[in-house]
Amino acid sequence: MAERPDEHDNLVLTPRDVEFDWSRLPMHWVPGEPLPTHVMNVLHLLLPEGERWFVRTFKQALPLIRDEELREQVLGFIGQEAVHAEAHQGVLEYLLAKDLDPAPFVRQVEYLFRRVLGERPGLPGRRAREHLLERVAMIAAIEHFTAFLGDWILNAEALDRAGADPTMLDLLRWHGAEEVEHRSVAFDLLRHLDPRYLRRVRPMLTAGPVMLLLWVRGTRFLMANDPELPGRARPTWRGYLDAARRGVLPHLAPLSRSAARYLRADYHPSQEGSTRQAIAYLATSPAARAAAH
């Protein structure tokens, strides 16, 4: 599959300094749908720490970049991801105020990104570079999934029909649009630093199962600690599949096909989603419009 130059070239990534007011957000912001609400709420548990890890890793990679255009894209990526982390942090503070303390699960996420995948200052030069390249490759794999989710949320009209909270939808769609907008940057950085096929695909075989595990654990944690649900509520796969059938959660089959496409030798992220659609949403997003003025 060939790259789509019209979707990829001449892209200037701009951080948008957005703000969101969560004072009126209901606990189940998809009305009557605690499972879809909390499946998507896992994003708020994972992203602040994960995207700060993206930023730290890419800042370390900057001195290795020999292409000025790519360097500018990486700087734009860093700026956007830093804003994403802070935007989702606000939802964590909202959950705490609603008596759902996210800290126990967030500590596990912090351990993953700071200790397991974090910097290792004592490594000698060659091993330090190898560790950095592995982290860049892991980010490229994760960014494939976030771009898939971004494309899904931009097109998830069933959430509008279900009456989902408009502020939360704007957060998710603003973020999703920027994920689609910058979906090629991590991949292009990895290809610039190390174009080998195995370097690219090996982390995907780890990232996919780890993300699924974290999502299942995060959903279980949120539902078990939701003060508005009776007892220790538990999610079920039947409930997930029903929600996906109704369009309020993504189907697993397209997600699996998307992950498989990443393994193709001729793959490029420009083949996924639509930059035009992402930019069109960012032009109408209430939070993005407010940030531009």
C-alpha atoms as a PDB file:
ATOM      1  CA  MET A   1       0.000   0.000   0.000  1.00  0.00           C
ATOM      2  CA  ALA A   2       1.418   3.364  -0.973  1.00  0.00           C
ATOM      3  CA  GLU A   3       1.571   6.451   1.191  1.00  0.00           C
ATOM      4  CA  ARG A   4      -0.983   9.168   0.480  1.00  0.00           C
ATOM      5  CA  PRO A   5       1.123  12.310  -0.015  1.00  0.00           C
ATOM      6  CA  ASP A   6      -1.920  14.610   0.101  1.00  0.00           C
ATOM      7  CA  GLU A   7      -2.599  13.328   3.622  1.00  0.00           C
ATOM      8  CA  HIS A   8       0.969  13.570   4.846  1.00  0.00           C
ATOM      9  CA  ASP A   9       3.010  16.355   3.288  1.00  0.00           C
ATOM     10  CA  ASN A  10       3.347  19.996   4.403  1.00  0.00           C
ATOM     11  CA  LEU A  11       1.925  19.260   7.837  1.00  0.00           C
ATOM     12  CA  VAL A  12       2.543  21.857  10.540  1.00  0.00           C
ATOM     13  CA  LEU A  13       1.682  20.502  13.979  1.00  0.00           C
ATOM     14  CA  THR A  14       0.410  23.145  16.370  1.00  0.00           C
ATOM     15  CA  PRO A  15      -0.263  22.577  20.085  1.00  0.00           C
ATOM     16  CA  ARG A  16      -3.700  23.924  21.024  1.00  0.00           C
ATOM     17  CA  ASP A  17      -3.897  25.190  24.600  1.00  0.00           C
ATOM     18  CA  VAL A  18      -7.378  23.842  25.358  1.00  0.00           C
ATOM     19  CA  GLU A  19      -9.378  23.966  28.593  1.00  0.00           C
ATOM     20  CA  PHE A  20     -12.416  21.961  29.691  1.00  0.00           C
ATOM     21  CA  ASP A  21     -14.976  22.547  32.428  1.00  0.00           C
ATOM     22  CA  TRP A  22     -15.898  19.296  34.176  1.00  0.00           C
ATOM     23  CA  SER A  23     -18.142  20.812  36.859  1.00  0.00           C
ATOM     24  CA  ARG A  24     -21.342  19.490  35.230  1.00  0.00           C
ATOM     25  CA  LEU A  25     -20.019  16.156  33.955  1.00  0.00           C
ATOM     26  CA  PRO A  26     -22.158  13.227  35.144  1.00  0.00           C
ATOM     27  CA  MET A  27     -20.359  10.101  36.359  1.00  0.00           C
ATOM     28  CA  HIS A  28     -21.899   8.093  33.508  1.00  0.00           C
ATOM     29  CA  TRP A  29     -21.392  10.605  30.726  1.00  0.00           C
ATOM     30  CA  VAL A  30     -22.881   8.177  28.215  1.00  0.00           C
ATOM     31  CA  PRO A  31     -26.357   8.232  29.823  1.00  0.00           C
ATOM     32  CA  GLY A  32     -27.362   4.882  31.294  1.00  0.00           C
ATOM     33  CA  GLU A  33     -24.166   3.289  29.931  1.00  0.00           C
ATOM     34  CA  PRO A  34     -21.594   2.731  32.719  1.00  0.00           C
ATOM     35  CA  LEU A  35     -19.603   0.151  30.733  1.00  0.00           C
ATOM     36  CA  PRO A  36     -18.972   2.321  27.631  1.00  0.00           C
ATOM     37  CA  THR A  37     -18.349   5.298  29.904  1.00  0.00           C
ATOM     38  CA  HIS A  38     -15.653   3.502  31.879  1.00  0.00           C
ATOM     39  CA  VAL A  39     -14.073   1.738  28.893  1.00  0.00           C
ATOM     40  CA  MET A  40     -13.408   5.193  27.460  1.00  0.00           C
ATOM     41  CA  ASN A  41     -12.491   6.592  30.887  1.00  0.00           C
ATOM     42  CA  VAL A  42      -9.486   4.227  30.891  1.00  0.00           C
ATOM     43  CA  LEU A  43      -7.925   6.730  28.489  1.00  0.00           C
ATOM     44  CA  HIS A  44      -7.763   9.239  31.329  1.00  0.00           C
ATOM     45  CA  LEU A  45      -5.949   6.720  33.534  1.00  0.00           C
ATOM     46  CA  LEU A  46      -3.355   5.814  30.893  1.00  0.00           C
ATOM     47  CA  LEU A  47      -2.715   8.950  28.892  1.00  0.00           C
ATOM     48  CA  PRO A  48      -1.327  11.555  31.310  1.00  0.00           C
ATOM     49  CA  GLU A  49       1.607   9.354  32.346  1.00  0.00           C
ATOM     50  CA  GLY A  50       1.952   7.670  28.961  1.00  0.00           C
ATOM     51  CA  GLU A  51       2.097  10.905  27.025  1.00  0.00           C
ATOM     52  CA  ARG A  52       4.594  12.427  29.447  1.00  0.00           C
ATOM     53  CA  TRP A  53       6.728   9.369  28.683  1.00  0.00           C
ATOM     54  CA  PHE A  54       6.294  10.062  24.952  1.00  0.00           C
ATOM     55  CA  VAL A  55       7.530  13.616  25.524  1.00  0.00           C
ATOM     56  CA  ARG A  56      10.578  12.568  27.561  1.00  0.00           C
ATOM     57  CA  THR A  57      11.543   9.932  25.000  1.00  0.00           C
ATOM     58  CA  PHE A  58      11.213  12.200  21.973  1.00  0.00           C
ATOM     59  CA  LYS A  59      13.172  14.976  23.671  1.00  0.00           C
ATOM     60  CA  GLN A  60      16.000  12.462  24.084  1.00  0.00           C
ATOM     61  CA  ALA A  61      15.732  11.564  20.397  1.00  0.00           C
ATOM     62  CA  LEU A  62      15.912  15.159  19.134  1.00  0.00           C
ATOM     63  CA  PRO A  63      19.759  15.300  18.937  1.00  0.00           C
ATOM     64  CA  LEU A  64      19.743  12.241  16.647  1.00  0.00           C
ATOM     65  CA  ILE A  65      17.449  13.781  14.013  1.00  0.00           C
ATOM     66  CA  ARG A  66      19.264  14.826  10.824  1.00  0.00           C
ATOM     67  CA  ASP A  67      16.236  16.054   8.858  1.00  0.00           C
ATOM     68  CA  GLU A  68      15.024  19.554   9.729  1.00  0.00           C
ATOM     69  CA  GLU A  69      11.435  19.026   8.546  1.00  0.00           C
ATOM     70  CA  LEU A  70      11.132  15.873  10.641  1.00  0.00           C
ATOM     71  CA  ARG A  71      12.638  17.707  13.596  1.00  0.00           C
ATOM     72  CA  GLU A  72       9.922  20.368  13.334  1.00  0.00           C
ATOM     73  CA  GLN A  73       7.239  17.685  13.207  1.00  0.00           C
ATOM     74  CA  VAL A  74       8.693  15.980  16.277  1.00  0.00           C
ATOM     75  CA  LEU A  75       8.706  19.297  18.147  1.00  0.00           C
ATOM     76  CA  GLY A  76       5.052  19.800  17.189  1.00  0.00           C
ATOM     77  CA  PHE A  77       4.274  16.256  18.335  1.00  0.00           C
ATOM     78  CA  ILE A  78       5.966  16.920  21.681  1.00  0.00           C
ATOM     79  CA  GLY A  79       3.918  20.081  22.145  1.00  0.00           C
ATOM     80  CA  GLN A  80       0.627  18.382  21.326  1.00  0.00           C
ATOM     81  CA  GLU A  81       1.286  15.393  23.569  1.00  0.00           C
ATOM     82  CA  ALA A  82       2.199  17.629  26.512  1.00  0.00           C
ATOM     83  CA  VAL A  83      -1.171  19.393  26.197  1.00  0.00           C
ATOM     84  CA  HIS A  84      -2.985  16.038  25.909  1.00  0.00           C
ATOM     85  CA  ALA A  85      -1.466  14.858  29.186  1.00  0.00           C
ATOM     86  CA  GLU A  86      -2.680  17.919  31.066  1.00  0.00           C
ATOM     87  CA  ALA A  87      -6.166  17.827  29.507  1.00  0.00           C
ATOM     88  CA  HIS A  88      -6.737  14.239  30.654  1.00  0.00           C
ATOM     89  CA  GLN A  89      -5.245  14.991  34.067  1.00  0.00           C
ATOM     90  CA  GLY A  90      -8.239  17.246  34.659  1.00  0.00           C
ATOM     91  CA  VAL A  91     -10.593  14.263  34.339  1.00  0.00           C
ATOM     92  CA  LEU A  92      -8.595  12.354  36.979  1.00  0.00           C
ATOM     93  CA  GLU A  93      -9.122  15.264  39.354  1.00  0.00           C
ATOM     94  CA  TYR A  94     -12.852  15.235  38.519  1.00  0.00           C
ATOM     95  CA  LEU A  95     -13.084  11.483  39.282  1.00  0.00           C
ATOM     96  CA  LEU A  96     -11.402  12.010  42.636  1.00  0.00           C
ATOM     97  CA  ALA A  97     -13.867  14.787  43.478  1.00  0.00           C
ATOM     98  CA  LYS A  98     -16.716  12.355  42.640  1.00  0.00           C
ATOM     99  CA  ASP A  99     -15.331   9.799  45.172  1.00  0.00           C
ATOM    100  CA  LEU A 100     -13.706   7.551  42.593  1.00  0.00           C
ATOM    101  CA  ASP A 101     -10.018   7.668  43.510  1.00  0.00           C
ATOM    102  CA  PRO A 102      -7.942   6.753  40.412  1.00  0.00           C
ATOM    103  CA  ALA A 103      -4.621   6.708  42.322  1.00  0.00           C
ATOM    104  CA  PRO A 104      -4.243   2.912  42.881  1.00  0.00           C
ATOM    105  CA  PHE A 105      -4.466   2.169  39.155  1.00  0.00           C
ATOM    106  CA  VAL A 106      -2.521   5.261  38.111  1.00  0.00           C
ATOM    107  CA  ARG A 107       0.373   4.124  40.331  1.00  0.00           C
ATOM    108  CA  GLN A 108       0.579   0.914  38.273  1.00  0.00           C
ATOM    109  CA  VAL A 109       0.647   2.973  35.073  1.00  0.00           C
ATOM    110  CA  GLU A 110       3.382   5.194  36.525  1.00  0.00           C
ATOM    111  CA  TYR A 111       5.462   2.113  37.349  1.00  0.00           C
ATOM    112  CA  LEU A 112       5.154   0.888  33.760  1.00  0.00           C
ATOM    113  CA  PHE A 113       6.160   4.155  32.118  1.00  0.00           C
ATOM    114  CA  ARG A 114       8.741   5.328  34.663  1.00  0.00           C
ATOM    115  CA  ARG A 115      10.441   2.098  35.741  1.00  0.00           C
ATOM    116  CA  VAL A 116       9.811  -0.567  33.078  1.00  0.00           C
ATOM    117  CA  LEU A 117       9.911   1.710  30.016  1.00  0.00           C
ATOM    118  CA  GLY A 118      11.663   4.707  31.489  1.00  0.00           C
ATOM    119  CA  GLU A 119      15.114   6.176  31.034  1.00  0.00           C
ATOM    120  CA  ARG A 120      18.176   4.209  32.203  1.00  0.00           C
ATOM    121  CA  PRO A 121      20.863   6.831  32.833  1.00  0.00           C
ATOM    122  CA  GLY A 122      23.622   4.340  33.674  1.00  0.00           C
ATOM    123  CA  LEU A 123      23.677   2.588  30.295  1.00  0.00           C
ATOM    124  CA  PRO A 124      26.817   3.011  28.139  1.00  0.00           C
ATOM    125  CA  GLY A 125      26.528   4.794  24.778  1.00  0.00           C
ATOM    126  CA  ARG A 126      25.575   1.948  22.428  1.00  0.00           C
ATOM    127  CA  ARG A 127      23.164   0.313  24.865  1.00  0.00           C
ATOM    128  CA  ALA A 128      21.636   3.694  25.689  1.00  0.00           C
ATOM    129  CA  ARG A 129      20.927   4.298  21.993  1.00  0.00           C
ATOM    130  CA  GLU A 130      19.450   0.809  21.672  1.00  0.00           C
ATOM    131  CA  HIS A 131      17.147   1.430  24.630  1.00  0.00           C
ATOM    132  CA  LEU A 132      16.069   4.765  23.151  1.00  0.00           C
ATOM    133  CA  LEU A 133      15.308   3.184  19.760  1.00  0.00           C
ATOM    134  CA  GLU A 134      13.215   0.472  21.414  1.00  0.00           C
ATOM    135  CA  ARG A 135      11.172   3.133  23.196  1.00  0.00           C
ATOM    136  CA  VAL A 136      10.674   5.099  19.964  1.00  0.00           C
ATOM    137  CA  ALA A 137       9.530   1.868  18.271  1.00  0.00           C
ATOM    138  CA  MET A 138       7.111   1.189  21.129  1.00  0.00           C
ATOM    139  CA  ILE A 139       5.683   4.696  20.780  1.00  0.00           C
ATOM    140  CA  ALA A 140       5.233   4.189  17.030  1.00  0.00           C
ATOM    141  CA  ALA A 141       3.231   1.032  17.770  1.00  0.00           C
ATOM    142  CA  ILE A 142       1.109   2.727  20.450  1.00  0.00           C
ATOM    143  CA  GLU A 143       0.489   5.704  18.172  1.00  0.00           C
ATOM    144  CA  HIS A 144      -0.966   3.306  15.632  1.00  0.00           C
ATOM    145  CA  PHE A 145      -3.637   2.342  18.160  1.00  0.00           C
ATOM    146  CA  THR A 146      -4.289   5.917  19.280  1.00  0.00           C
ATOM    147  CA  ALA A 147      -4.753   6.971  15.639  1.00  0.00           C
ATOM    148  CA  PHE A 148      -7.232   4.110  15.162  1.00  0.00           C
ATOM    149  CA  LEU A 149      -9.156   5.249  18.245  1.00  0.00           C
ATOM    150  CA  GLY A 150      -8.973   8.862  17.090  1.00  0.00           C
ATOM    151  CA  ASP A 151     -10.459   7.948  13.733  1.00  0.00           C
ATOM    152  CA  TRP A 152     -13.164   5.903  15.474  1.00  0.00           C
ATOM    153  CA  ILE A 153     -14.250   8.662  17.875  1.00  0.00           C
ATOM    154  CA  LEU A 154     -14.416  11.208  15.052  1.00  0.00           C
ATOM    155  CA  ASN A 155     -16.920   8.961  13.299  1.00  0.00           C
ATOM    156  CA  ALA A 156     -18.809   7.574  16.335  1.00  0.00           C
ATOM    157  CA  GLU A 157     -22.166   9.207  15.617  1.00  0.00           C
ATOM    158  CA  ALA A 158     -23.862   6.661  17.895  1.00  0.00           C
ATOM    159  CA  LEU A 159     -22.391   8.521  20.879  1.00  0.00           C
ATOM    160  CA  ASP A 160     -24.179  11.691  19.792  1.00  0.00           C
ATOM    161  CA  ARG A 161     -27.431   9.791  19.382  1.00  0.00           C
ATOM    162  CA  ALA A 162     -26.945   8.266  22.846  1.00  0.00           C
ATOM    163  CA  GLY A 163     -26.727  11.762  24.364  1.00  0.00           C
ATOM    164  CA  ALA A 164     -23.065  11.567  25.442  1.00  0.00           C
ATOM    165  CA  ASP A 165     -21.832  14.606  27.360  1.00  0.00           C
ATOM    166  CA  PRO A 166     -20.759  17.210  24.772  1.00  0.00           C
ATOM    167  CA  THR A 167     -17.732  18.438  26.746  1.00  0.00           C
ATOM    168  CA  MET A 168     -16.333  14.914  27.090  1.00  0.00           C
ATOM    169  CA  LEU A 169     -17.044  14.233  23.427  1.00  0.00           C
ATOM    170  CA  ASP A 170     -15.164  17.391  22.512  1.00  0.00           C
ATOM    171  CA  LEU A 171     -12.170  16.338  24.629  1.00  0.00           C
ATOM    172  CA  LEU A 172     -12.082  12.907  23.004  1.00  0.00           C
ATOM    173  CA  ARG A 173     -12.628  14.221  19.484  1.00  0.00           C
ATOM    174  CA  TRP A 174     -10.147  17.092  19.841  1.00  0.00           C
ATOM    175  CA  HIS A 175      -7.576  14.604  21.119  1.00  0.00           C
ATOM    176  CA  GLY A 176      -8.542  12.015  18.520  1.00  0.00           C
ATOM    177  CA  ALA A 177      -8.251  14.563  15.718  1.00  0.00           C
ATOM    178  CA  GLU A 178      -4.734  15.496  16.821  1.00  0.00           C
ATOM    179  CA  GLU A 179      -3.807  11.807  17.018  1.00  0.00           C
ATOM    180  CA  VAL A 180      -4.921  11.418  13.394  1.00  0.00           C
ATOM    181  CA  GLU A 181      -3.176  14.676  12.471  1.00  0.00           C
ATOM    182  CA  HIS A 182       0.197  13.549  13.849  1.00  0.00           C
ATOM    183  CA  ARG A 183      -0.222   9.788  13.279  1.00  0.00           C
ATOM    184  CA  SER A 184       2.870   9.509  11.060  1.00  0.00           C
ATOM    185  CA  VAL A 185       5.406  11.351  13.222  1.00  0.00           C
ATOM    186  CA  ALA A 186       6.520   8.537  15.538  1.00  0.00           C
ATOM    187  CA  PHE A 187       6.652   6.090  12.620  1.00  0.00           C
ATOM    188  CA  ASP A 188       8.693   8.519  10.486  1.00  0.00           C
ATOM    189  CA  LEU A 189      11.057   9.208  13.380  1.00  0.00           C
ATOM    190  CA  LEU A 190      11.639   5.490  13.879  1.00  0.00           C
ATOM    191  CA  ARG A 191      12.185   4.961  10.151  1.00  0.00           C
ATOM    192  CA  HIS A 192      14.655   7.867  10.174  1.00  0.00           C
ATOM    193  CA  LEU A 193      16.620   6.445  13.108  1.00  0.00           C
ATOM    194  CA  ASP A 194      16.359   2.737  12.250  1.00  0.00           C
ATOM    195  CA  PRO A 195      14.438   1.560   9.151  1.00  0.00           C
ATOM    196  CA  ARG A 196      14.711  -2.170   9.898  1.00  0.00           C
ATOM    197  CA  TYR A 197      11.432  -4.099   9.679  1.00  0.00           C
ATOM    198  CA  LEU A 198      12.020  -6.158  12.825  1.00  0.00           C
ATOM    199  CA  ARG A 199      12.744  -3.030  14.839  1.00  0.00           C
ATOM    200  CA  ARG A 200       9.293  -1.753  13.889  1.00  0.00           C
ATOM    201  CA  VAL A 201       7.130  -4.854  14.264  1.00  0.00           C
ATOM    202  CA  ARG A 202       8.638  -6.427  17.388  1.00  0.00           C
ATOM    203  CA  PRO A 203       7.244  -3.789  19.778  1.00  0.00           C
ATOM    204  CA  MET A 204       3.784  -4.083  18.189  1.00  0.00           C
ATOM    205  CA  LEU A 205       3.671  -7.719  19.295  1.00  0.00           C
ATOM    206  CA  THR A 206       4.184  -6.448  22.852  1.00  0.00           C
ATOM    207  CA  ALA A 207       2.207  -3.207  22.745  1.00  0.00           C
ATOM    208  CA  GLY A 208      -1.036  -4.784  21.527  1.00  0.00           C
ATOM    209  CA  PRO A 209      -1.430  -7.378  24.307  1.00  0.00           C
ATOM    210  CA  VAL A 210      -0.184  -4.968  26.995  1.00  0.00           C
ATOM    211  CA  MET A 211      -2.667  -2.283  25.958  1.00  0.00           C
ATOM    212  CA  LEU A 212      -5.514  -4.811  25.942  1.00  0.00           C
ATOM    213  CA  LEU A 213      -4.534  -6.019  29.421  1.00  0.00           C
ATOM    214  CA  LEU A 214      -4.324  -2.475  30.772  1.00  0.00           C
ATOM    215  CA  TRP A 215      -7.693  -1.601  29.251  1.00  0.00           C
ATOM    216  CA  VAL A 216      -9.398  -4.633  30.797  1.00  0.00           C
ATOM    217  CA  ARG A 217      -7.796  -3.998  34.198  1.00  0.00           C
ATOM    218  CA  GLY A 218      -8.616  -0.289  34.029  1.00  0.00           C
ATOM    219  CA  THR A 219     -12.267  -0.907  33.152  1.00  0.00           C
ATOM    220  CA  ARG A 220     -12.588  -3.419  35.976  1.00  0.00           C
ATOM    221  CA  PHE A 221     -11.005  -0.953  38.409  1.00  0.00           C
ATOM    222  CA  LEU A 222     -13.305   1.910  37.418  1.00  0.00           C
ATOM    223  CA  MET A 223     -16.486  -0.143  37.558  1.00  0.00           C
ATOM    224  CA  ALA A 224     -15.570  -1.791  40.863  1.00  0.00           C
ATOM    225  CA  ASN A 225     -14.909   1.614  42.446  1.00  0.00           C
ATOM    226  CA  ASP A 226     -17.748   3.574  40.837  1.00  0.00           C
ATOM    227  CA  PRO A 227     -19.774   4.934  43.802  1.00  0.00           C
ATOM    228  CA  GLU A 228     -22.914   5.070  41.650  1.00  0.00           C
ATOM    229  CA  LEU A 229     -22.895   1.348  40.819  1.00  0.00           C
ATOM    230  CA  PRO A 230     -24.187  -1.303  43.246  1.00  0.00           C
ATOM    231  CA  GLY A 231     -21.596  -3.501  44.940  1.00  0.00           C
ATOM    232  CA  ARG A 232     -18.447  -4.251  42.984  1.00  0.00           C
ATOM    233  CA  ALA A 233     -19.770  -4.107  39.428  1.00  0.00           C
ATOM    234  CA  ARG A 234     -17.834  -6.046  36.816  1.00  0.00           C
ATOM    235  CA  PRO A 235     -17.617  -5.519  33.065  1.00  0.00           C
ATOM    236  CA  THR A 236     -18.333  -8.428  30.732  1.00  0.00           C
ATOM    237  CA  TRP A 237     -17.255  -9.200  27.201  1.00  0.00           C
ATOM    238  CA  ARG A 238     -20.917  -9.711  26.316  1.00  0.00           C
ATOM    239  CA  GLY A 239     -21.617  -6.171  27.489  1.00  0.00           C
ATOM    240  CA  TYR A 240     -18.669  -4.847  25.463  1.00  0.00           C
ATOM    241  CA  LEU A 241     -19.753  -6.632  22.291  1.00  0.00           C
ATOM    242  CA  ASP A 242     -23.302  -5.364  22.699  1.00  0.00           C
ATOM    243  CA  ALA A 243     -22.035  -1.776  23.103  1.00  0.00           C
ATOM    244  CA  ALA A 244     -19.805  -2.192  20.036  1.00  0.00           C
ATOM    245  CA  ARG A 245     -22.749  -3.515  18.033  1.00  0.00           C
ATOM    246  CA  ARG A 246     -24.655  -0.360  18.944  1.00  0.00           C
ATOM    247  CA  GLY A 247     -21.689   1.808  17.936  1.00  0.00           C
ATOM    248  CA  VAL A 248     -20.882   3.331  21.337  1.00  0.00           C
ATOM    249  CA  LEU A 249     -17.608   1.387  21.581  1.00  0.00           C
ATOM    250  CA  PRO A 250     -15.221   0.357  18.795  1.00  0.00           C
ATOM    251  CA  HIS A 251     -15.539  -3.101  17.276  1.00  0.00           C
ATOM    252  CA  LEU A 252     -12.616  -5.425  17.982  1.00  0.00           C
ATOM    253  CA  ALA A 253     -12.497  -6.843  14.438  1.00  0.00           C
ATOM    254  CA  PRO A 254     -11.514  -3.531  12.740  1.00  0.00           C
ATOM    255  CA  LEU A 255      -9.009  -2.905  15.541  1.00  0.00           C
ATOM    256  CA  SER A 256      -7.421  -6.319  14.934  1.00  0.00           C
ATOM    257  CA  ARG A 257      -7.301  -5.722  11.169  1.00  0.00           C
ATOM    258  CA  SER A 258      -5.679  -2.355  11.784  1.00  0.00           C
ATOM    259  CA  ALA A 259      -3.005  -3.948  13.991  1.00  0.00           C
ATOM    260  CA  ALA A 260      -2.358  -6.542  11.270  1.00  0.00           C
ATOM    261  CA  ARG A 261      -1.857  -3.798   8.671  1.00  0.00           C
ATOM    262  CA  TYR A 262       0.957  -2.385  10.797  1.00  0.00           C
ATOM    263  CA  LEU A 263       2.864  -5.641  10.209  1.00  0.00           C
ATOM    264  CA  ARG A 264       2.910  -5.191   6.425  1.00  0.00           C
ATOM    265  CA  ALA A 265       6.344  -4.390   5.002  1.00  0.00           C
ATOM    266  CA  ASP A 266       4.889  -1.511   2.933  1.00  0.00           C
ATOM    267  CA  TYR A 267       2.812  -0.026   5.748  1.00  0.00           C
ATOM    268  CA  HIS A 268       2.710   3.712   6.476  1.00  0.00           C
ATOM    269  CA  PRO A 269       0.349   5.517   8.929  1.00  0.00           C
ATOM    270  CA  SER A 270      -0.799   7.930   6.224  1.00  0.00           C
ATOM    271  CA  GLN A 271      -2.889   5.008   4.952  1.00  0.00           C
ATOM    272  CA  GLU A 272      -5.047   5.248   8.106  1.00  0.00           C
ATOM    273  CA  GLY A 273      -7.696   7.843   8.878  1.00  0.00           C
ATOM    274  CA  SER A 274      -8.059  11.249   7.223  1.00  0.00           C
ATOM    275  CA  THR A 275      -6.024  14.345   7.953  1.00  0.00           C
ATOM    276  CA  ARG A 276      -8.678  16.438   6.220  1.00  0.00           C
ATOM    277  CA  GLN A 277     -11.382  15.128   8.543  1.00  0.00           C
ATOM    278  CA  ALA A 278      -9.179  15.709  11.590  1.00  0.00           C
ATOM    279  CA  ILE A 279      -8.405  19.298  10.625  1.00  0.00           C
ATOM    280  CA  ALA A 280     -12.074  19.913   9.818  1.00  0.00           C
ATOM    281  CA  TYR A 281     -13.041  18.829  13.335  1.00  0.00           C
ATOM    282  CA  LEU A 282     -10.312  20.949  14.921  1.00  0.00           C
ATOM    283  CA  ALA A 283     -11.739  23.951  13.062  1.00  0.00           C
ATOM    284  CA  THR A 284     -15.113  23.423  14.763  1.00  0.00           C
ATOM    285  CA  SER A 285     -14.112  21.987  18.175  1.00  0.00           C
ATOM    286  CA  PRO A 286     -15.330  24.356  20.917  1.00  0.00           C
ATOM    287  CA  ALA A 287     -12.157  23.851  22.963  1.00  0.00           C
ATOM    288  CA  ALA A 288      -9.808  24.226  19.986  1.00  0.00           C
ATOM    289  CA  ARG A 289     -11.650  27.335  18.761  1.00  0.00           C
ATOM    290  CA  ALA A 290     -11.446  28.888  22.228  1.00  0.00           C
ATOM    291  CA  ALA A 291      -7.717  28.141  22.373  1.00  0.00           C
ATOM    292  CA  ALA A 292      -7.189  29.928  19.053  1.00  0.00           C
ATOM    293  CA  HIS A 293      -8.633  33.218  20.419  1.00  0.00           C
END
